[in-house]
Every structure is written in C-alpha cells, then in structure tokens.
Amino acid sequence: MSRTAEVIAKKFPRLAAQDYARDFPDIGVDSFDLVELRVLIEQRIGRRISDAEWMKATSLASIVELFDEKPGAQ
C-alpha cells in the first residue's frame, strides 16, 4: 500500500478501497475531513501541497494518484 493510501485508510477506516473512487459527499467526507487529510498527507510526504494541486483532487482515489511518490522522485 502506498504512503498516501495508508494515510487515507488510517483517517477513514470505515471506507473500503472501492469507495475511494466515489465523490467526497457520497462517502461522507466533508471539507473539515479534507483539511485534516491534507495536513496528514503533507506530514507523510514531507512537503507542502499547494492549493492548486489540492484542488485537482475530486476523490480519495485522485488524491492517491496525485500525491503518491513516484519511483525515483525526491
């Protein structure tokens, strides 16, 4: 499991992996949850996430895709 997916699983243990592709409101994730999640992911990946980057996320799956460390990335 990726670092970002681990953070999400810990933050939202009630969700299954297939829920990650659903829209935030459909899975009960609100704006406060997203602020907390952003901070946790920033801490885990060791860098600040810009507002522009964060606003590209439309689901938990897209957060994993956007913020997972790619092989060879620093």
PDB file of N, CA and C in Angstrom:
ATOM      1  N   MET A   1       0.858  -1.182   0.000  1.00  0.00           N
ATOM      2  CA  MET A   1       0.000   0.000   0.000  1.00  0.00           C
ATOM      3  C   MET A   1       0.898   1.237   0.000  1.00  0.00           C
ATOM      4  N   SER A   2       0.514   2.217  -0.748  1.00  0.00           N
ATOM      5  CA  SER A   2       1.298   3.444  -0.857  1.00  0.00           C
ATOM      6  C   SER A   2       1.191   4.279   0.420  1.00  0.00           C
ATOM      7  N   ARG A   3       2.105   5.228   0.570  1.00  0.00           N
ATOM      8  CA  ARG A   3       2.079   6.110   1.739  1.00  0.00           C
ATOM      9  C   ARG A   3       0.779   6.892   1.832  1.00  0.00           C
ATOM     10  N   THR A   4       0.355   7.443   0.723  1.00  0.00           N
ATOM     11  CA  THR A   4      -0.872   8.237   0.713  1.00  0.00           C
ATOM     12  C   THR A   4      -2.083   7.368   1.022  1.00  0.00           C
ATOM     13  N   ALA A   5      -2.152   6.194   0.440  1.00  0.00           N
ATOM     14  CA  ALA A   5      -3.262   5.281   0.706  1.00  0.00           C
ATOM     15  C   ALA A   5      -3.273   4.854   2.176  1.00  0.00           C
ATOM     16  N   GLU A   6      -2.108   4.690   2.778  1.00  0.00           N
ATOM     17  CA  GLU A   6      -2.031   4.343   4.200  1.00  0.00           C
ATOM     18  C   GLU A   6      -2.620   5.452   5.061  1.00  0.00           C
ATOM     19  N   VAL A   7      -2.300   6.692   4.727  1.00  0.00           N
ATOM     20  CA  VAL A   7      -2.838   7.836   5.473  1.00  0.00           C
ATOM     21  C   VAL A   7      -4.368   7.864   5.353  1.00  0.00           C
ATOM     22  N   ILE A   8      -4.864   7.665   4.151  1.00  0.00           N
ATOM     23  CA  ILE A   8      -6.305   7.680   3.923  1.00  0.00           C
ATOM     24  C   ILE A   8      -6.985   6.544   4.688  1.00  0.00           C
ATOM     25  N   ALA A   9      -6.418   5.357   4.625  1.00  0.00           N
ATOM     26  CA  ALA A   9      -7.004   4.207   5.321  1.00  0.00           C
ATOM     27  C   ALA A   9      -7.054   4.431   6.832  1.00  0.00           C
ATOM     28  N   LYS A  10      -6.028   5.066   7.359  1.00  0.00           N
ATOM     29  CA  LYS A  10      -5.998   5.342   8.797  1.00  0.00           C
ATOM     30  C   LYS A  10      -7.028   6.419   9.164  1.00  0.00           C
ATOM     31  N   LYS A  11      -7.150   7.434   8.336  1.00  0.00           N
ATOM     32  CA  LYS A  11      -8.092   8.541   8.588  1.00  0.00           C
ATOM     33  C   LYS A  11      -9.545   8.091   8.418  1.00  0.00           C
ATOM     34  N   PHE A  12      -9.794   7.229   7.438  1.00  0.00           N
ATOM     35  CA  PHE A  12     -11.161   6.781   7.126  1.00  0.00           C
ATOM     36  C   PHE A  12     -11.237   5.245   7.150  1.00  0.00           C
ATOM     37  N   PRO A  13     -11.082   4.640   8.318  1.00  0.00           N
ATOM     38  CA  PRO A  13     -11.050   3.174   8.383  1.00  0.00           C
ATOM     39  C   PRO A  13     -12.356   2.496   7.966  1.00  0.00           C
ATOM     40  N   ARG A  14     -13.440   3.233   7.980  1.00  0.00           N
ATOM     41  CA  ARG A  14     -14.739   2.647   7.619  1.00  0.00           C
ATOM     42  C   ARG A  14     -14.894   2.463   6.110  1.00  0.00           C
ATOM     43  N   LEU A  15     -14.040   3.101   5.334  1.00  0.00           N
ATOM     44  CA  LEU A  15     -14.156   3.040   3.874  1.00  0.00           C
ATOM     45  C   LEU A  15     -13.360   1.876   3.300  1.00  0.00           C
ATOM     46  N   ALA A  16     -13.922   1.256   2.297  1.00  0.00           N
ATOM     47  CA  ALA A  16     -13.220   0.212   1.552  1.00  0.00           C
ATOM     48  C   ALA A  16     -12.519   0.848   0.354  1.00  0.00           C
ATOM     49  N   ALA A  17     -11.541   0.167  -0.191  1.00  0.00           N
ATOM     50  CA  ALA A  17     -10.765   0.693  -1.318  1.00  0.00           C
ATOM     51  C   ALA A  17     -11.673   1.099  -2.485  1.00  0.00           C
ATOM     52  N   GLN A  18     -12.744   0.367  -2.733  1.00  0.00           N
ATOM     53  CA  GLN A  18     -13.638   0.697  -3.847  1.00  0.00           C
ATOM     54  C   GLN A  18     -14.385   2.013  -3.612  1.00  0.00           C
ATOM     55  N   ASP A  19     -14.488   2.453  -2.351  1.00  0.00           N
ATOM     56  CA  ASP A  19     -15.122   3.739  -2.049  1.00  0.00           C
ATOM     57  C   ASP A  19     -14.262   4.921  -2.473  1.00  0.00           C
ATOM     58  N   TYR A  20     -12.974   4.702  -2.627  1.00  0.00           N
ATOM     59  CA  TYR A  20     -12.045   5.796  -2.917  1.00  0.00           C
ATOM     60  C   TYR A  20     -12.357   6.508  -4.234  1.00  0.00           C
ATOM     61  N   ALA A  21     -12.986   5.824  -5.170  1.00  0.00           N
ATOM     62  CA  ALA A  21     -13.297   6.420  -6.470  1.00  0.00           C
ATOM     63  C   ALA A  21     -14.584   7.257  -6.439  1.00  0.00           C
ATOM     64  N   ARG A  22     -15.339   7.154  -5.362  1.00  0.00           N
ATOM     65  CA  ARG A  22     -16.602   7.887  -5.263  1.00  0.00           C
ATOM     66  C   ARG A  22     -16.360   9.337  -4.853  1.00  0.00           C
ATOM     67  N   ASP A  23     -17.297  10.206  -5.182  1.00  0.00           N
ATOM     68  CA  ASP A  23     -17.197  11.626  -4.815  1.00  0.00           C
ATOM     69  C   ASP A  23     -17.235  11.776  -3.293  1.00  0.00           C
ATOM     70  N   PHE A  24     -16.567  12.805  -2.803  1.00  0.00           N
ATOM     71  CA  PHE A  24     -16.470  13.028  -1.361  1.00  0.00           C
ATOM     72  C   PHE A  24     -17.822  13.018  -0.642  1.00  0.00           C
ATOM     73  N   PRO A  25     -18.823  13.781  -1.113  1.00  0.00           N
ATOM     74  CA  PRO A  25     -20.098  13.792  -0.386  1.00  0.00           C
ATOM     75  C   PRO A  25     -20.766  12.411  -0.328  1.00  0.00           C
ATOM     76  N   ASP A  26     -20.561  11.608  -1.358  1.00  0.00           N
ATOM     77  CA  ASP A  26     -21.187  10.289  -1.425  1.00  0.00           C
ATOM     78  C   ASP A  26     -20.637   9.328  -0.376  1.00  0.00           C
ATOM     79  N   ILE A  27     -19.435   9.600   0.131  1.00  0.00           N
ATOM     80  CA  ILE A  27     -18.830   8.712   1.131  1.00  0.00           C
ATOM     81  C   ILE A  27     -18.737   9.378   2.504  1.00  0.00           C
ATOM     82  N   GLY A  28     -19.374  10.533   2.624  1.00  0.00           N
ATOM     83  CA  GLY A  28     -19.417  11.199   3.920  1.00  0.00           C
ATOM     84  C   GLY A  28     -18.159  11.937   4.304  1.00  0.00           C
ATOM     85  N   VAL A  29     -17.366  12.352   3.323  1.00  0.00           N
ATOM     86  CA  VAL A  29     -16.151  13.120   3.581  1.00  0.00           C
ATOM     87  C   VAL A  29     -16.465  14.597   3.361  1.00  0.00           C
ATOM     88  N   ASP A  30     -16.306  15.398   4.421  1.00  0.00           N
ATOM     89  CA  ASP A  30     -16.626  16.822   4.320  1.00  0.00           C
ATOM     90  C   ASP A  30     -15.360  17.672   4.243  1.00  0.00           C
ATOM     91  N   SER A  31     -15.541  18.975   4.168  1.00  0.00           N
ATOM     92  CA  SER A  31     -14.392  19.873   3.992  1.00  0.00           C
ATOM     93  C   SER A  31     -13.440  19.831   5.185  1.00  0.00           C
ATOM     94  N   PHE A  32     -13.959  19.664   6.385  1.00  0.00           N
ATOM     95  CA  PHE A  32     -13.088  19.569   7.557  1.00  0.00           C
ATOM     96  C   PHE A  32     -12.235  18.305   7.473  1.00  0.00           C
ATOM     97  N   ASP A  33     -12.845  17.194   7.054  1.00  0.00           N
ATOM     98  CA  ASP A  33     -12.083  15.951   6.859  1.00  0.00           C
ATOM     99  C   ASP A  33     -10.960  16.158   5.861  1.00  0.00           C
ATOM    100  N   LEU A  34     -11.246  16.901   4.792  1.00  0.00           N
ATOM    101  CA  LEU A  34     -10.241  17.119   3.749  1.00  0.00           C
ATOM    102  C   LEU A  34      -9.093  17.999   4.233  1.00  0.00           C
ATOM    103  N   VAL A  35      -9.387  18.980   5.078  1.00  0.00           N
ATOM    104  CA  VAL A  35      -8.324  19.810   5.650  1.00  0.00           C
ATOM    105  C   VAL A  35      -7.417  18.943   6.519  1.00  0.00           C
ATOM    106  N   GLU A  36      -8.010  18.126   7.369  1.00  0.00           N
ATOM    107  CA  GLU A  36      -7.223  17.234   8.223  1.00  0.00           C
ATOM    108  C   GLU A  36      -6.402  16.257   7.385  1.00  0.00           C
ATOM    109  N   LEU A  37      -7.025  15.699   6.350  1.00  0.00           N
ATOM    110  CA  LEU A  37      -6.335  14.750   5.487  1.00  0.00           C
ATOM    111  C   LEU A  37      -5.153  15.407   4.789  1.00  0.00           C
ATOM    112  N   ARG A  38      -5.345  16.603   4.314  1.00  0.00           N
ATOM    113  CA  ARG A  38      -4.260  17.327   3.634  1.00  0.00           C
ATOM    114  C   ARG A  38      -3.055  17.490   4.550  1.00  0.00           C
ATOM    115  N   VAL A  39      -3.294  17.888   5.783  1.00  0.00           N
ATOM    116  CA  VAL A  39      -2.200  18.058   6.749  1.00  0.00           C
ATOM    117  C   VAL A  39      -1.486  16.730   6.991  1.00  0.00           C
ATOM    118  N   LEU A  40      -2.242  15.665   7.154  1.00  0.00           N
ATOM    119  CA  LEU A  40      -1.646  14.350   7.385  1.00  0.00           C
ATOM    120  C   LEU A  40      -0.799  13.899   6.195  1.00  0.00           C
ATOM    121  N   ILE A  41      -1.301  14.129   4.996  1.00  0.00           N
ATOM    122  CA  ILE A  41      -0.548  13.741   3.795  1.00  0.00           C
ATOM    123  C   ILE A  41       0.711  14.597   3.661  1.00  0.00           C
ATOM    124  N   GLU A  42       0.600  15.896   3.913  1.00  0.00           N
ATOM    125  CA  GLU A  42       1.785  16.762   3.856  1.00  0.00           C
ATOM    126  C   GLU A  42       2.853  16.275   4.825  1.00  0.00           C
ATOM    127  N   GLN A  43       2.448  15.895   6.019  1.00  0.00           N
ATOM    128  CA  GLN A  43       3.401  15.385   7.002  1.00  0.00           C
ATOM    129  C   GLN A  43       4.034  14.089   6.515  1.00  0.00           C
ATOM    130  N   ARG A  44       3.241  13.241   5.908  1.00  0.00           N
ATOM    131  CA  ARG A  44       3.737  11.932   5.462  1.00  0.00           C
ATOM    132  C   ARG A  44       4.678  12.050   4.269  1.00  0.00           C
ATOM    133  N   ILE A  45       4.364  12.940   3.329  1.00  0.00           N
ATOM    134  CA  ILE A  45       5.213  13.048   2.136  1.00  0.00           C
ATOM    135  C   ILE A  45       6.340  14.058   2.318  1.00  0.00           C
ATOM    136  N   GLY A  46       6.268  14.835   3.398  1.00  0.00           N
ATOM    137  CA  GLY A  46       7.366  15.737   3.713  1.00  0.00           C
ATOM    138  C   GLY A  46       7.431  17.002   2.884  1.00  0.00           C
ATOM    139  N   ARG A  47       6.293  17.440   2.396  1.00  0.00           N
ATOM    140  CA  ARG A  47       6.263  18.703   1.651  1.00  0.00           C
ATOM    141  C   ARG A  47       4.870  19.300   1.720  1.00  0.00           C
ATOM    142  N   ARG A  48       4.816  20.600   1.467  1.00  0.00           N
ATOM    143  CA  ARG A  48       3.544  21.323   1.425  1.00  0.00           C
ATOM    144  C   ARG A  48       2.850  21.043   0.099  1.00  0.00           C
ATOM    145  N   ILE A  49       1.552  20.880   0.157  1.00  0.00           N
ATOM    146  CA  ILE A  49       0.740  20.703  -1.045  1.00  0.00           C
ATOM    147  C   ILE A  49       0.104  22.056  -1.358  1.00  0.00           C
ATOM    148  N   SER A  50       0.337  22.557  -2.548  1.00  0.00           N
ATOM    149  CA  SER A  50      -0.234  23.858  -2.920  1.00  0.00           C
ATOM    150  C   SER A  50      -1.750  23.749  -3.071  1.00  0.00           C
ATOM    151  N   ASP A  51      -2.412  24.880  -2.937  1.00  0.00           N
ATOM    152  CA  ASP A  51      -3.864  24.909  -3.137  1.00  0.00           C
ATOM    153  C   ASP A  51      -4.223  24.442  -4.541  1.00  0.00           C
ATOM    154  N   ALA A  52      -3.452  24.856  -5.519  1.00  0.00           N
ATOM    155  CA  ALA A  52      -3.720  24.459  -6.910  1.00  0.00           C
ATOM    156  C   ALA A  52      -3.642  22.944  -7.080  1.00  0.00           C
ATOM    157  N   GLU A  53      -2.638  22.325  -6.458  1.00  0.00           N
ATOM    158  CA  GLU A  53      -2.514  20.865  -6.514  1.00  0.00           C
ATOM    159  C   GLU A  53      -3.709  20.203  -5.832  1.00  0.00           C
ATOM    160  N   TRP A  54      -4.032  20.673  -4.635  1.00  0.00           N
ATOM    161  CA  TRP A  54      -5.085  20.056  -3.835  1.00  0.00           C
ATOM    162  C   TRP A  54      -6.442  20.146  -4.525  1.00  0.00           C
ATOM    163  N   MET A  55      -6.692  21.250  -5.196  1.00  0.00           N
ATOM    164  CA  MET A  55      -7.995  21.451  -5.840  1.00  0.00           C
ATOM    165  C   MET A  55      -8.218  20.520  -7.040  1.00  0.00           C
ATOM    166  N   LYS A  56      -7.181  19.871  -7.513  1.00  0.00           N
ATOM    167  CA  LYS A  56      -7.322  18.900  -8.603  1.00  0.00           C
ATOM    168  C   LYS A  56      -7.974  17.602  -8.131  1.00  0.00           C
ATOM    169  N   ALA A  57      -7.947  17.374  -6.828  1.00  0.00           N
ATOM    170  CA  ALA A  57      -8.476  16.130  -6.271  1.00  0.00           C
ATOM    171  C   ALA A  57      -9.999  16.164  -6.236  1.00  0.00           C
ATOM    172  N   THR A  58     -10.613  15.133  -6.775  1.00  0.00           N
ATOM    173  CA  THR A  58     -12.071  15.027  -6.786  1.00  0.00           C
ATOM    174  C   THR A  58     -12.570  13.816  -6.013  1.00  0.00           C
ATOM    175  N   SER A  59     -11.637  12.959  -5.610  1.00  0.00           N
ATOM    176  CA  SER A  59     -11.982  11.748  -4.862  1.00  0.00           C
ATOM    177  C   SER A  59     -10.734  11.309  -4.096  1.00  0.00           C
ATOM    178  N   LEU A  60     -10.909  10.366  -3.205  1.00  0.00           N
ATOM    179  CA  LEU A  60      -9.748   9.837  -2.485  1.00  0.00           C
ATOM    180  C   LEU A  60      -8.798   9.137  -3.452  1.00  0.00           C
ATOM    181  N   ALA A  61      -9.349   8.486  -4.466  1.00  0.00           N
ATOM    182  CA  ALA A  61      -8.503   7.833  -5.471  1.00  0.00           C
ATOM    183  C   ALA A  61      -7.635   8.855  -6.198  1.00  0.00           C
ATOM    184  N   SER A  62      -8.200  10.001  -6.502  1.00  0.00           N
ATOM    185  CA  SER A  62      -7.403  11.023  -7.188  1.00  0.00           C
ATOM    186  C   SER A  62      -6.344  11.605  -6.254  1.00  0.00           C
ATOM    187  N   ILE A  63      -6.623  11.657  -4.964  1.00  0.00           N
ATOM    188  CA  ILE A  63      -5.603  12.103  -4.005  1.00  0.00           C
ATOM    189  C   ILE A  63      -4.434  11.132  -4.007  1.00  0.00           C
ATOM    190  N   VAL A  64      -4.728   9.846  -4.006  1.00  0.00           N
ATOM    191  CA  VAL A  64      -3.657   8.848  -4.064  1.00  0.00           C
ATOM    192  C   VAL A  64      -2.848   9.031  -5.341  1.00  0.00           C
ATOM    193  N   GLU A  65      -3.528   9.177  -6.454  1.00  0.00           N
ATOM    194  CA  GLU A  65      -2.845   9.341  -7.743  1.00  0.00           C
ATOM    195  C   GLU A  65      -1.990  10.598  -7.775  1.00  0.00           C
ATOM    196  N   LEU A  66      -2.509  11.688  -7.253  1.00  0.00           N
ATOM    197  CA  LEU A  66      -1.792  12.971  -7.302  1.00  0.00           C
ATOM    198  C   LEU A  66      -0.594  13.026  -6.361  1.00  0.00           C
ATOM    199  N   PHE A  67      -0.706  12.409  -5.201  1.00  0.00           N
ATOM    200  CA  PHE A  67       0.311  12.639  -4.168  1.00  0.00           C
ATOM    201  C   PHE A  67       1.138  11.423  -3.791  1.00  0.00           C
ATOM    202  N   ASP A  68       0.953  10.305  -4.441  1.00  0.00           N
ATOM    203  CA  ASP A  68       1.841   9.180  -4.208  1.00  0.00           C
ATOM    204  C   ASP A  68       3.208   9.497  -4.770  1.00  0.00           C
ATOM    205  N   GLU A  69       4.204   9.084  -4.045  1.00  0.00           N
ATOM    206  CA  GLU A  69       5.566   9.282  -4.531  1.00  0.00           C
ATOM    207  C   GLU A  69       5.828   8.329  -5.679  1.00  0.00           C
ATOM    208  N   LYS A  70       6.352   8.858  -6.730  1.00  0.00           N
ATOM    209  CA  LYS A  70       6.679   8.046  -7.897  1.00  0.00           C
ATOM    210  C   LYS A  70       8.097   7.480  -7.719  1.00  0.00           C
ATOM    211  N   PRO A  71       8.354   6.306  -8.284  1.00  0.00           N
ATOM    212  CA  PRO A  71       9.707   5.772  -8.180  1.00  0.00           C
ATOM    213  C   PRO A  71      10.732   6.773  -8.709  1.00  0.00           C
ATOM    214  N   GLY A  72      11.783   6.981  -7.938  1.00  0.00           N
ATOM    215  CA  GLY A  72      12.826   7.910  -8.337  1.00  0.00           C
ATOM    216  C   GLY A  72      12.544   9.345  -7.958  1.00  0.00           C
ATOM    217  N   ALA A  73      11.351   9.655  -7.452  1.00  0.00           N
ATOM    218  CA  ALA A  73      11.011  11.021  -7.044  1.00  0.00           C
ATOM    219  C   ALA A  73      11.643  11.341  -5.702  1.00  0.00           C
ATOM    220  N   GLN A  74      11.920  12.624  -5.498  1.00  0.00           N
ATOM    221  CA  GLN A  74      12.504  13.009  -4.221  1.00  0.00           C
ATOM    222  C   GLN A  74      11.604  13.933  -3.479  1.00  0.00           C
TER     223      GLN A  74
END
